[in-house]
Amino acid sequence: MSRISIMGGGAWGTAIAISLARRGGHGLTLWTHSGETARSIHATRENIGFLPGFTIPAEIAVTTDPEPAIASAEILVSVMPSHHVRASYQRFAPWLRPGQLLVSATKGIEDGSYLRVSEIIADVLAQQNLQLPCAVLSGPSFAQEVAAGSPTAITIAASDSAVAARIQRDFSSSTLRLYTNDDVIGVELGGALKNVIAIAAGVVSGLGLGHNSTAALITRGVAEVTRLAIACGGRGETLAGLSGLGDLVLTCTGALSRNRRVGIELGRGLPLAEVLDNLQGKVAEGVRTTTAALGLAQLHGIELPIAEQVAAILQGKSAIQAMQELMVRPGREE
C-alpha cells in the first residue's frame, strides 16, 4: 500500500483519485484549493463543479490544507492547471521531503520560460535545495471515462526506470493500464502540444470543412509536434505512441475535449472571451500553451505553421482566413 495525495481537485485529479480507489490498497487524499469544492464533496460525495455524476468513495480524504496532504504522502500527483504549477510548488515546498515521489499529470508549457511542467517543478525545488524524482503521466484519457471505469491506456515517463515501474505498479488496475517510458521530454511535449492542434481541429469542425480537412490537420499536427519534440531532445517514436498520436487523436476528435470545443466555437465566429466564459471556470490548456509553444519553437529554430495560425485566431484573426493561409503555403515534401 502507498500513501498517495492528489494535488488538484478538478476533473482530472478527481478521476485519478476515483481510479486509485477502485484499484484499492492505497491511502488516498484529494487536496483542492477551493473550499467550495471541498464542502460539496463532503456533503454529496461528488465533485459537482468539475466531475458531476461520479461518486467519490468515502476512503478518499478531502482537504483544503496542503500540509497534511503533503507531509503524509509517499507519492504526490500534481493535477493543477499549468499556470498554477510554479506558485503551487512554492507553497508546497516547506512540507516536501526526501524520499517522496512526484507525478506530474499537468499538460502545458510555462509562458516566458518555455519550461515543461516537470522542469518548473524541478526549478522551484532547486531553489529550496531539494531534489525529488518527478515522473510524467500522460496519454489519451478523458476524466469522465477514467472515472466511469472505461478501459484506458496511458504512459508514465521517468528518467529512472525504477520510479516509472513503481508508479506503473501502484496505479495500474483492471480499467487503467500504464506503459512505462524513459523519454520524459517526448511524453511531456506530446501531451502539451496536442492541445494546440486540438484547437485547430475544432476550428476545422466549427467551420464545417469536413473529414478530409480534419484528417489532414491531425496528420500534419503529428508532424509539427514531433518536429519540435525531437528538436528539444525527445524521440520520434514516442510521439507515435499513446502520449503523442494517441492523445492527439483523442483530443482532436473527442466530444469531451475542451480544447476542441474552444476551436469549434472560434470557428463559428465567437470571440475568445466569450468562448472562455462558456467553459465556466474549466481550463483549456491549449489557449495558454499556444504562445509558449511558439516561443519554444523559436528558440530551436522550428517552424510550427498550425500553431502560428491558432495563435492568430486566438488574437482575433478570421478562422477561415487562417485555414486558407495554411492551404496556400509553398509546397514541400512530406
Protein backbone atom coordinates (compact mmCIF):
# COMPACT_ATOMS: atom_id res chain seq x y z
CA MET A 1 0.00 0.00 0.00
CA SER A 2 1.16 3.54 -0.79
CA ARG A 3 0.02 6.82 0.69
CA ILE A 4 -0.92 8.93 -2.32
CA SER A 5 -2.07 12.55 -2.37
CA ILE A 6 -3.65 14.05 -5.47
CA MET A 7 -2.94 17.77 -5.50
CA GLY A 8 -5.72 19.35 -7.52
CA GLY A 9 -9.47 18.91 -7.25
CA GLY A 10 -10.52 19.47 -10.85
CA ALA A 11 -11.98 16.82 -13.15
CA TRP A 12 -8.71 15.01 -13.88
CA GLY A 13 -7.48 15.00 -10.29
CA THR A 14 -10.84 13.68 -9.10
CA ALA A 15 -10.85 10.99 -11.79
CA ILE A 16 -7.36 9.83 -10.81
CA ALA A 17 -8.46 9.61 -7.16
CA ILE A 18 -11.55 7.58 -8.11
CA SER A 19 -9.45 5.25 -10.28
CA LEU A 20 -6.95 4.68 -7.47
CA ALA A 21 -9.78 3.99 -5.02
CA ARG A 22 -11.29 1.49 -7.46
CA ARG A 23 -7.92 -0.26 -7.63
CA GLY A 24 -7.81 -0.43 -3.83
CA GLY A 25 -4.96 -0.86 -1.40
CA HIS A 26 -3.84 2.77 -1.04
CA GLY A 27 -4.30 5.56 1.46
CA LEU A 28 -5.73 8.41 -0.62
CA THR A 29 -6.08 12.17 -0.10
CA LEU A 30 -7.53 14.65 -2.58
CA TRP A 31 -6.39 18.22 -1.99
CA THR A 32 -8.26 21.14 -3.51
CA HIS A 33 -7.55 24.85 -3.10
CA SER A 34 -11.29 25.51 -3.34
CA GLY A 35 -13.26 25.47 -0.11
CA GLU A 36 -16.47 25.31 -2.15
CA THR A 37 -15.29 22.15 -3.93
CA ALA A 38 -14.25 20.53 -0.66
CA ARG A 39 -17.59 21.35 1.01
CA SER A 40 -19.50 20.00 -1.96
CA ILE A 41 -17.58 16.72 -1.92
CA HIS A 42 -18.03 16.33 1.84
CA ALA A 43 -21.78 16.98 1.52
CA THR A 44 -22.58 14.96 -1.60
CA ARG A 45 -19.52 12.74 -2.28
CA GLU A 46 -19.48 14.23 -5.77
CA ASN A 47 -17.36 16.92 -7.35
CA ILE A 48 -20.39 18.69 -8.75
CA GLY A 49 -18.45 21.64 -10.15
CA PHE A 50 -15.92 19.66 -12.17
CA LEU A 51 -16.92 15.99 -12.43
CA PRO A 52 -20.63 15.59 -11.64
CA GLY A 53 -22.28 12.21 -11.67
CA PHE A 54 -19.42 10.18 -10.19
CA THR A 55 -19.34 9.06 -6.57
CA ILE A 56 -16.14 9.86 -4.70
CA PRO A 57 -15.56 6.88 -2.38
CA ALA A 58 -15.51 7.52 1.35
CA GLU A 59 -11.94 6.21 1.64
CA ILE A 60 -10.68 9.29 -0.24
CA ALA A 61 -9.96 12.00 2.32
CA VAL A 62 -10.66 15.52 1.01
CA THR A 63 -8.89 18.60 2.35
CA THR A 64 -8.01 22.20 1.57
CA ASP A 65 -4.96 22.09 3.85
CA PRO A 66 -1.82 21.19 1.87
CA GLU A 67 0.32 20.40 4.92
CA PRO A 68 -1.24 17.07 5.98
CA ALA A 69 -1.82 16.07 2.36
CA ILE A 70 1.85 16.52 1.50
CA ALA A 71 3.58 15.58 4.74
CA SER A 72 1.90 12.17 4.96
CA ALA A 73 2.32 11.20 1.30
CA GLU A 74 4.80 8.86 -0.32
CA ILE A 75 3.57 9.83 -3.80
CA LEU A 76 2.21 13.24 -4.79
CA VAL A 77 0.27 13.59 -8.02
CA SER A 78 0.00 17.21 -9.16
CA VAL A 79 -3.01 17.96 -11.34
CA MET A 80 -3.41 21.73 -11.11
CA PRO A 81 -3.57 23.90 -14.29
CA SER A 82 -0.13 24.58 -15.76
CA HIS A 83 -0.21 28.31 -14.98
CA HIS A 84 -0.63 27.48 -11.27
CA VAL A 85 2.21 24.92 -11.04
CA ARG A 86 5.02 27.28 -10.04
CA ALA A 87 3.05 29.08 -7.34
CA SER A 88 1.60 25.81 -6.08
CA TYR A 89 5.00 24.17 -5.61
CA GLN A 90 6.37 27.29 -3.97
CA ARG A 91 3.53 26.86 -1.49
CA PHE A 92 4.07 23.09 -1.17
CA ALA A 93 7.87 23.24 -0.75
CA PRO A 94 8.02 23.54 3.08
CA TRP A 95 6.35 20.14 3.52
CA LEU A 96 8.13 18.20 0.78
CA ARG A 97 10.83 15.81 1.98
CA PRO A 98 13.44 13.42 0.59
CA GLY A 99 12.07 10.02 -0.34
CA GLN A 100 8.82 11.27 -1.84
CA LEU A 101 7.95 10.64 -5.49
CA LEU A 102 6.27 13.32 -7.61
CA VAL A 103 3.99 12.62 -10.55
CA SER A 104 3.02 15.47 -12.85
CA ALA A 105 -0.32 14.92 -14.58
CA THR A 106 -0.49 18.50 -15.88
CA LYS A 107 -0.10 19.22 -19.60
CA GLY A 108 1.37 22.56 -20.61
CA ILE A 109 4.40 24.82 -21.14
CA GLU A 110 5.17 27.83 -18.98
CA ASP A 111 4.85 31.20 -20.68
CA GLY A 112 8.06 33.21 -20.79
CA SER A 113 10.41 30.49 -19.51
CA TYR A 114 9.12 27.85 -22.00
CA LEU A 115 9.74 25.18 -19.37
CA ARG A 116 7.88 21.89 -19.37
CA VAL A 117 5.87 21.24 -16.20
CA SER A 118 8.39 18.81 -14.72
CA GLU A 119 11.09 21.43 -15.33
CA ILE A 120 9.02 24.06 -13.50
CA ILE A 121 8.75 21.73 -10.52
CA ALA A 122 12.49 20.98 -10.57
CA ASP A 123 13.26 24.70 -10.79
CA VAL A 124 11.15 25.51 -7.73
CA LEU A 125 12.62 22.62 -5.73
CA ALA A 126 16.18 23.60 -6.64
CA GLN A 127 15.56 26.98 -5.04
CA GLN A 128 14.76 25.04 -1.84
CA ASN A 129 17.87 22.84 -2.22
CA LEU A 130 15.57 19.87 -2.71
CA GLN A 131 15.72 17.25 -5.43
CA LEU A 132 12.88 14.75 -5.85
CA PRO A 133 12.19 12.33 -8.71
CA CYS A 134 9.35 13.55 -10.92
CA ALA A 135 7.54 11.26 -13.31
CA VAL A 136 5.10 12.43 -16.00
CA LEU A 137 1.66 10.89 -16.54
CA SER A 138 0.19 11.49 -19.98
CA GLY A 139 -1.83 9.90 -22.74
CA PRO A 140 -5.37 9.67 -24.14
CA SER A 141 -7.57 9.96 -21.08
CA PHE A 142 -10.77 11.93 -20.69
CA ALA A 143 -11.50 12.35 -16.98
CA GLN A 144 -15.14 11.29 -17.31
CA GLU A 145 -14.21 7.98 -18.94
CA VAL A 146 -11.47 7.20 -16.41
CA ALA A 147 -13.90 7.92 -13.58
CA ALA A 148 -16.50 5.68 -15.22
CA GLY A 149 -14.01 2.82 -15.44
CA SER A 150 -13.77 2.73 -19.24
CA PRO A 151 -10.61 0.82 -20.26
CA THR A 152 -7.84 3.40 -20.67
CA ALA A 153 -4.13 3.13 -21.54
CA ILE A 154 -1.68 5.91 -20.70
CA THR A 155 2.07 6.47 -20.28
CA ILE A 156 4.20 7.05 -17.20
CA ALA A 157 7.58 8.55 -18.09
CA ALA A 158 10.59 8.93 -15.81
CA SER A 159 14.34 9.08 -16.35
CA ASP A 160 14.71 6.46 -13.59
CA SER A 161 13.08 3.20 -14.68
CA ALA A 162 12.52 2.16 -11.07
CA VAL A 163 10.38 5.26 -10.47
CA ALA A 164 8.29 4.56 -13.58
CA ALA A 165 7.88 0.93 -12.55
CA ARG A 166 6.73 1.94 -9.05
CA ILE A 167 4.05 4.25 -10.42
CA GLN A 168 3.02 1.67 -13.00
CA ARG A 169 2.57 -0.92 -10.25
CA ASP A 170 0.68 1.40 -7.90
CA PHE A 171 -1.66 2.99 -10.47
CA SER A 172 -2.46 0.13 -12.87
CA SER A 173 -5.80 -1.64 -12.48
CA SER A 174 -8.30 -3.64 -14.48
CA THR A 175 -9.50 -0.40 -16.10
CA LEU A 176 -6.30 1.68 -16.24
CA ARG A 177 -3.19 0.34 -17.97
CA LEU A 178 0.14 2.21 -17.68
CA TYR A 179 3.05 1.80 -20.07
CA THR A 180 6.49 2.97 -18.93
CA ASN A 181 8.77 5.24 -20.95
CA ASP A 182 12.08 6.98 -20.24
CA ASP A 183 11.53 9.79 -22.76
CA VAL A 184 10.21 12.44 -20.39
CA ILE A 185 10.70 15.22 -22.95
CA GLY A 186 8.77 13.46 -25.71
CA VAL A 187 5.94 12.37 -23.42
CA GLU A 188 5.58 15.78 -21.83
CA LEU A 189 5.70 17.79 -25.05
CA GLY A 190 3.31 15.40 -26.77
CA GLY A 191 0.78 15.99 -24.00
CA ALA A 192 1.22 19.76 -24.08
CA LEU A 193 1.35 20.41 -27.80
CA LYS A 194 -1.60 18.22 -28.79
CA ASN A 195 -3.88 20.76 -27.11
CA VAL A 196 -2.79 23.40 -29.62
CA ILE A 197 -3.53 21.10 -32.54
CA ALA A 198 -6.88 20.20 -30.96
CA ILE A 199 -7.93 23.86 -31.06
CA ALA A 200 -7.12 23.88 -34.77
CA ALA A 201 -9.09 20.66 -35.29
CA GLY A 202 -12.02 22.28 -33.51
CA VAL A 203 -11.77 25.30 -35.80
CA VAL A 204 -11.98 22.97 -38.82
CA SER A 205 -15.13 21.41 -37.35
CA GLY A 206 -16.63 24.77 -36.44
CA LEU A 207 -16.10 25.96 -40.00
CA GLY A 208 -17.79 22.80 -41.33
CA LEU A 209 -14.80 21.93 -43.52
CA GLY A 210 -15.32 18.16 -43.40
CA HIS A 211 -13.41 14.97 -42.65
CA ASN A 212 -10.69 15.46 -45.29
CA SER A 213 -9.64 18.69 -43.64
CA THR A 214 -9.69 17.15 -40.16
CA ALA A 215 -7.56 14.18 -41.25
CA ALA A 216 -5.04 16.47 -42.94
CA LEU A 217 -4.90 18.74 -39.91
CA ILE A 218 -4.30 15.87 -37.48
CA THR A 219 -1.66 14.27 -39.69
CA ARG A 220 0.28 17.48 -40.19
CA GLY A 221 -0.22 18.21 -36.49
CA VAL A 222 1.58 14.97 -35.64
CA ALA A 223 4.47 16.10 -37.84
CA GLU A 224 4.54 19.53 -36.20
CA VAL A 225 4.53 18.19 -32.64
CA THR A 226 7.15 15.56 -33.48
CA ARG A 227 9.44 18.11 -35.11
CA LEU A 228 9.53 20.30 -32.02
CA ALA A 229 9.81 17.40 -29.58
CA ILE A 230 12.82 15.98 -31.42
CA ALA A 231 14.47 19.41 -31.51
CA CYS A 232 14.05 19.59 -27.72
CA GLY A 233 15.64 16.16 -27.20
CA GLY A 234 12.62 13.85 -27.39
CA ARG A 235 12.35 10.73 -29.54
CA GLY A 236 10.21 10.48 -32.65
CA GLU A 237 8.87 7.05 -31.74
CA THR A 238 7.45 8.45 -28.50
CA LEU A 239 5.24 10.79 -30.50
CA ALA A 240 3.88 7.80 -32.41
CA GLY A 241 2.68 6.28 -29.12
CA LEU A 242 -0.01 6.89 -26.52
CA SER A 243 1.33 10.23 -25.30
CA GLY A 244 1.72 11.51 -28.85
CA LEU A 245 -0.54 10.22 -31.59
CA GLY A 246 -2.96 8.58 -29.15
CA ASP A 247 -3.56 11.71 -27.12
CA LEU A 248 -3.64 13.89 -30.23
CA VAL A 249 -6.32 11.82 -31.95
CA LEU A 250 -8.47 11.71 -28.82
CA THR A 251 -8.26 15.43 -28.16
CA CYS A 252 -8.79 16.40 -31.80
CA THR A 253 -11.86 14.20 -32.30
CA GLY A 254 -13.47 13.55 -28.91
CA ALA A 255 -16.62 15.41 -27.94
CA LEU A 256 -15.33 15.72 -24.35
CA SER A 257 -12.24 17.73 -25.40
CA ARG A 258 -12.32 21.28 -24.02
CA ASN A 259 -9.59 22.41 -26.44
CA ARG A 260 -11.53 21.10 -29.42
CA ARG A 261 -14.64 22.82 -28.06
CA VAL A 262 -12.74 26.13 -27.89
CA GLY A 263 -11.74 25.70 -31.54
CA ILE A 264 -15.29 24.84 -32.62
CA GLU A 265 -16.68 28.00 -31.07
CA LEU A 266 -13.88 30.13 -32.53
CA GLY A 267 -14.57 28.56 -35.93
CA ARG A 268 -18.21 29.56 -35.56
CA GLY A 269 -17.15 33.15 -35.03
CA LEU A 270 -17.42 33.60 -31.26
CA PRO A 271 -14.82 35.92 -29.68
CA LEU A 272 -12.26 34.26 -27.41
CA ALA A 273 -13.51 35.99 -24.26
CA GLU A 274 -16.99 34.55 -24.77
CA VAL A 275 -15.58 31.10 -25.59
CA LEU A 276 -13.56 31.03 -22.37
CA ASP A 277 -16.54 32.29 -20.38
CA ASN A 278 -18.56 29.36 -21.74
CA LEU A 279 -16.07 26.95 -20.11
CA GLN A 280 -17.44 28.06 -16.72
CA GLY A 281 -14.11 28.10 -14.92
CA LYS A 282 -12.68 24.97 -16.53
CA VAL A 283 -9.32 25.21 -18.30
CA ALA A 284 -8.45 24.59 -21.95
CA GLU A 285 -4.67 24.34 -21.67
CA GLY A 286 -4.07 24.87 -25.39
CA VAL A 287 -5.06 28.54 -25.17
CA ARG A 288 -2.07 29.36 -22.98
CA THR A 289 0.23 26.71 -24.45
CA THR A 290 0.00 28.09 -27.99
CA THR A 291 2.10 31.19 -27.28
CA ALA A 292 4.59 29.22 -25.17
CA ALA A 293 4.92 26.57 -27.88
CA LEU A 294 5.76 29.21 -30.45
CA GLY A 295 8.36 30.72 -28.12
CA LEU A 296 9.93 27.31 -27.55
CA ALA A 297 9.94 26.65 -31.30
CA GLN A 298 11.65 29.96 -31.96
CA LEU A 299 14.40 29.03 -29.50
CA HIS A 300 15.06 25.88 -31.51
CA GLY A 301 14.54 27.34 -34.98
CA ILE A 302 11.47 25.17 -35.65
CA GLU A 303 8.51 26.17 -37.79
CA LEU A 304 5.02 25.50 -36.39
CA PRO A 305 2.57 26.69 -39.09
CA ILE A 306 -0.55 25.26 -37.44
CA ALA A 307 0.32 26.74 -34.04
CA GLU A 308 1.06 30.08 -35.71
CA GLN A 309 -2.41 30.22 -37.21
CA VAL A 310 -4.03 29.08 -33.95
CA ALA A 311 -2.25 31.96 -32.19
CA ALA A 312 -3.53 34.38 -34.81
CA ILE A 313 -7.11 33.08 -34.43
CA LEU A 314 -6.87 33.45 -30.65
CA GLN A 315 -5.84 37.06 -31.26
CA GLY A 316 -8.90 37.71 -33.44
CA LYS A 317 -7.92 36.64 -36.95
CA SER A 318 -10.66 35.23 -39.17
CA ALA A 319 -10.69 31.43 -38.80
CA ILE A 320 -11.45 30.83 -42.48
CA GLN A 321 -8.59 33.13 -43.50
CA ALA A 322 -6.21 31.22 -41.22
CA MET A 323 -7.21 27.89 -42.74
CA GLN A 324 -6.83 29.28 -46.26
CA GLU A 325 -3.33 30.51 -45.46
CA LEU A 326 -2.35 27.04 -44.27
CA MET A 327 -3.52 25.61 -47.60
CA VAL A 328 -1.62 28.06 -49.83
CA ARG A 329 1.76 27.70 -48.10
CA PRO A 330 4.60 26.77 -50.52
CA GLY A 331 4.65 23.08 -51.47
CA ARG A 332 7.09 20.74 -49.74
CA GLU A 333 7.91 17.06 -49.35
CA GLU A 334 6.01 15.13 -46.70
